[in-house]
Amino acid sequence: MNDMTIEAAHGAAESSDIVFTGRDDEFRDLLLHGAPLEIVTVGFYRFWLATKIRQHLWSHTILDGDAFAYLGTARELLIGFFFAIAILAPIYLASFLLGVEVEREKSFASSLVGVFFLAFWQFAVYRARRYRLHRTAWRGLRFHMEGSGVSYALNAMGWGLLTVISLGLALPWMQAGLERYKMRHLLWRASRRVRRDRR
């Protein structure tokens, strides 16, 4: 089955209803059981709690009579966290050492690091959304997101600069432009199992 964009399937989904069947007490119990474990594990349980929360929310979101499924794991989130730390820690350390060695350039070095962290944050936002979509399924369809996190981050930084220059007037266009970029790269495709069944 060829990839199709969400926009191409929008007309077919207009008549479908989206309902959420979860109960407040179930979600509250999930948080109440997870919070103490986060404290005991010094925050590391948050990856398992986030996975359980997503599984709960996805499984109770019903589109046209069928629920979504979240297929991600806490282990994947933990690995992603360590990967981010491995990138950010050396950069932060280099900035600190540069500030110590060249006190006059400290503010300049800090500014560069600040710009990097802003860009990396936008990159992480895009990659996080891409991960969630890749781990979302509905009726045998697996969602997919293409595009570049680097390109998205550069777009976000450009829009951010324009927003600052315009004293905030460009903010609505920034939000619409970034959301448009994400939606244009949003796809879905049939899983391998569904494709085999159709053959």
Protein backbone atom coordinates (compact mmCIF):
# COMPACT_ATOMS: atom_id res chain seq x y z
CA MET A 1 0.00 0.00 0.00
CA ASN A 2 1.41 3.37 -0.96
CA ASP A 3 1.93 6.09 1.62
CA MET A 4 -0.88 8.61 1.86
CA THR A 5 -0.91 11.91 3.67
CA ILE A 6 -3.37 12.69 6.42
CA GLU A 7 -4.69 15.50 4.24
CA ALA A 8 -5.56 13.04 1.46
CA ALA A 9 -7.59 10.94 3.88
CA HIS A 10 -9.22 13.90 5.62
CA GLY A 11 -12.39 13.74 3.56
CA ALA A 12 -12.93 10.08 4.41
CA ALA A 13 -12.54 10.75 8.12
CA GLU A 14 -14.87 13.73 8.35
CA SER A 15 -17.88 11.55 9.10
CA SER A 16 -16.03 9.63 11.83
CA ASP A 17 -16.32 10.53 15.49
CA ILE A 18 -13.39 10.75 17.89
CA VAL A 19 -14.29 10.00 21.50
CA PHE A 20 -12.26 9.52 24.66
CA THR A 21 -13.52 6.76 26.96
CA GLY A 22 -10.99 7.06 29.80
CA ARG A 23 -12.13 7.82 33.32
CA ASP A 24 -10.67 10.49 35.59
CA ASP A 25 -10.22 8.09 38.51
CA GLU A 26 -8.20 5.64 36.38
CA PHE A 27 -5.83 8.36 35.24
CA ARG A 28 -5.57 9.76 38.77
CA ASP A 29 -4.67 6.32 40.15
CA LEU A 30 -2.03 5.95 37.46
CA LEU A 31 -0.39 9.21 38.55
CA LEU A 32 -0.73 8.48 42.26
CA HIS A 33 1.00 5.12 41.88
CA GLY A 34 3.70 6.52 39.61
CA ALA A 35 4.66 9.64 41.60
CA PRO A 36 6.15 7.79 44.63
CA LEU A 37 8.13 5.51 42.31
CA GLU A 38 9.57 8.56 40.59
CA ILE A 39 10.76 9.86 43.95
CA VAL A 40 12.26 6.51 44.99
CA THR A 41 14.08 6.07 41.66
CA VAL A 42 15.27 9.71 41.62
CA GLY A 43 13.18 10.45 38.55
CA PHE A 44 14.13 7.45 36.41
CA TYR A 45 10.68 5.90 36.69
CA ARG A 46 9.34 8.82 34.64
CA PHE A 47 10.10 6.89 31.43
CA TRP A 48 7.92 3.97 32.55
CA LEU A 49 5.23 6.33 33.83
CA ALA A 50 5.21 8.29 30.56
CA THR A 51 4.84 5.02 28.64
CA LYS A 52 1.92 3.90 30.82
CA ILE A 53 0.24 7.29 30.50
CA ARG A 54 0.52 7.19 26.69
CA GLN A 55 -0.77 3.62 26.57
CA HIS A 56 -3.73 4.67 28.69
CA LEU A 57 -4.54 7.78 26.64
CA TRP A 58 -4.05 6.10 23.27
CA SER A 59 -6.10 2.99 24.18
CA HIS A 60 -9.05 5.12 25.32
CA THR A 61 -9.06 7.36 22.25
CA ILE A 62 -11.57 5.88 19.83
CA LEU A 63 -11.82 6.84 16.17
CA ASP A 64 -14.70 5.38 14.19
CA GLY A 65 -15.17 2.61 16.74
CA ASP A 66 -11.51 1.51 16.99
CA ALA A 67 -8.93 2.54 19.57
CA PHE A 68 -5.42 3.76 18.92
CA ALA A 69 -2.46 1.78 20.23
CA TYR A 70 0.82 3.10 21.62
CA LEU A 71 3.67 0.70 20.87
CA GLY A 72 6.59 2.56 22.44
CA THR A 73 8.57 1.25 25.40
CA ALA A 74 10.17 2.84 28.45
CA ARG A 75 13.52 1.39 27.39
CA GLU A 76 13.42 3.41 24.17
CA LEU A 77 12.73 6.60 26.10
CA LEU A 78 15.57 5.85 28.51
CA ILE A 79 18.02 5.27 25.65
CA GLY A 80 16.89 8.53 24.03
CA PHE A 81 17.51 10.36 27.31
CA PHE A 82 21.05 9.02 27.59
CA PHE A 83 21.66 9.89 23.95
CA ALA A 84 20.63 13.51 24.59
CA ILE A 85 22.85 13.69 27.68
CA ALA A 86 25.78 12.34 25.67
CA ILE A 87 25.35 15.24 23.21
CA LEU A 88 24.63 18.05 25.66
CA ALA A 89 27.09 17.28 28.47
CA PRO A 90 30.32 17.78 26.43
CA ILE A 91 28.98 21.02 24.93
CA TYR A 92 28.03 22.40 28.32
CA LEU A 93 31.41 21.37 29.75
CA ALA A 94 33.26 23.00 26.84
CA SER A 95 31.30 26.21 27.40
CA PHE A 96 32.16 26.20 31.08
CA LEU A 97 35.88 25.65 30.43
CA LEU A 98 35.89 28.36 27.78
CA GLY A 99 34.32 30.77 30.25
CA VAL A 100 36.95 29.94 32.86
CA GLU A 101 39.87 30.27 30.45
CA VAL A 102 38.71 33.44 28.73
CA GLU A 103 36.69 35.45 31.22
CA ARG A 104 36.16 38.32 28.78
CA GLU A 105 34.55 35.99 26.26
CA LYS A 106 32.36 34.26 28.80
CA SER A 107 29.20 36.11 27.86
CA PHE A 108 29.88 35.48 24.17
CA ALA A 109 30.42 31.77 24.80
CA SER A 110 27.29 31.61 26.90
CA SER A 111 25.32 33.26 24.12
CA LEU A 112 26.51 30.67 21.61
CA VAL A 113 25.59 27.84 23.96
CA GLY A 114 22.20 29.43 24.54
CA VAL A 115 21.53 29.55 20.81
CA PHE A 116 22.61 25.93 20.49
CA PHE A 117 20.31 24.82 23.29
CA LEU A 118 17.37 26.65 21.71
CA ALA A 119 18.06 24.97 18.37
CA PHE A 120 18.54 21.58 20.03
CA TRP A 121 15.26 22.03 21.92
CA GLN A 122 13.38 22.56 18.64
CA PHE A 123 15.17 19.56 17.15
CA ALA A 124 14.13 17.48 20.17
CA VAL A 125 10.49 18.65 19.87
CA TYR A 126 10.36 17.45 16.28
CA ARG A 127 12.07 14.15 17.01
CA ALA A 128 9.81 13.50 20.00
CA ARG A 129 6.69 14.00 17.88
CA ARG A 130 8.19 11.78 15.19
CA TYR A 131 8.86 9.05 17.77
CA ARG A 132 5.32 9.18 19.15
CA LEU A 133 3.85 8.93 15.66
CA HIS A 134 6.11 6.00 14.73
CA ARG A 135 4.84 4.21 17.82
CA THR A 136 1.16 4.90 17.14
CA ALA A 137 -1.10 2.42 15.35
CA TRP A 138 -4.78 2.35 14.37
CA ARG A 139 -6.59 -0.39 12.46
CA GLY A 140 -3.30 -1.86 11.32
CA LEU A 141 -2.01 1.51 10.12
CA ARG A 142 1.30 2.77 11.46
CA PHE A 143 1.84 6.50 11.50
CA HIS A 144 5.05 7.91 10.11
CA MET A 145 6.82 11.25 10.00
CA GLU A 146 9.42 12.25 7.49
CA GLY A 147 11.33 15.50 7.19
CA SER A 148 14.45 16.64 9.00
CA GLY A 149 14.69 17.63 12.63
CA VAL A 150 17.61 19.89 11.72
CA SER A 151 15.56 21.61 9.01
CA TYR A 152 12.69 22.07 11.45
CA ALA A 153 15.04 23.54 14.07
CA LEU A 154 16.50 25.99 11.53
CA ASN A 155 12.97 27.02 10.49
CA ALA A 156 12.04 27.50 14.14
CA MET A 157 15.14 29.61 14.82
CA GLY A 158 14.46 31.75 11.74
CA TRP A 159 10.86 32.27 12.75
CA GLY A 160 11.98 33.02 16.30
CA LEU A 161 14.35 35.73 15.11
CA LEU A 162 11.60 37.24 12.96
CA THR A 163 9.23 37.15 15.92
CA VAL A 164 11.73 39.02 18.11
CA ILE A 165 12.38 41.63 15.40
CA SER A 166 8.64 42.15 14.91
CA LEU A 167 8.10 42.43 18.68
CA GLY A 168 5.91 39.34 18.69
CA LEU A 169 3.71 40.21 15.74
CA ALA A 170 5.03 37.27 13.72
CA LEU A 171 4.19 34.73 16.46
CA PRO A 172 0.91 33.47 14.90
CA TRP A 173 2.66 32.97 11.55
CA MET A 174 5.50 31.19 13.32
CA GLN A 175 3.14 28.77 15.04
CA ALA A 176 1.19 28.13 11.84
CA GLY A 177 4.35 27.70 9.76
CA LEU A 178 5.95 25.20 12.14
CA GLU A 179 2.72 23.22 12.49
CA ARG A 180 2.34 23.21 8.70
CA TYR A 181 5.85 21.77 8.36
CA LYS A 182 5.00 18.94 10.75
CA MET A 183 1.67 18.16 9.11
CA ARG A 184 3.15 18.12 5.60
CA HIS A 185 5.56 15.40 6.69
CA LEU A 186 2.92 13.32 8.50
CA LEU A 187 2.06 10.04 6.75
CA TRP A 188 0.53 6.71 7.50
CA ARG A 189 1.13 3.33 6.01
CA ALA A 190 -0.22 -0.18 6.43
CA SER A 191 1.80 -2.44 8.67
CA ARG A 192 3.59 -5.41 7.13
CA ARG A 193 1.04 -7.78 8.63
CA VAL A 194 -1.87 -5.93 7.00
CA ARG A 195 -0.07 -5.84 3.65
CA ARG A 196 0.52 -9.61 3.81
CA ASP A 197 -3.16 -10.23 4.66
CA ARG A 198 -4.28 -8.16 1.67
CA ARG A 199 -2.13 -10.22 -0.65
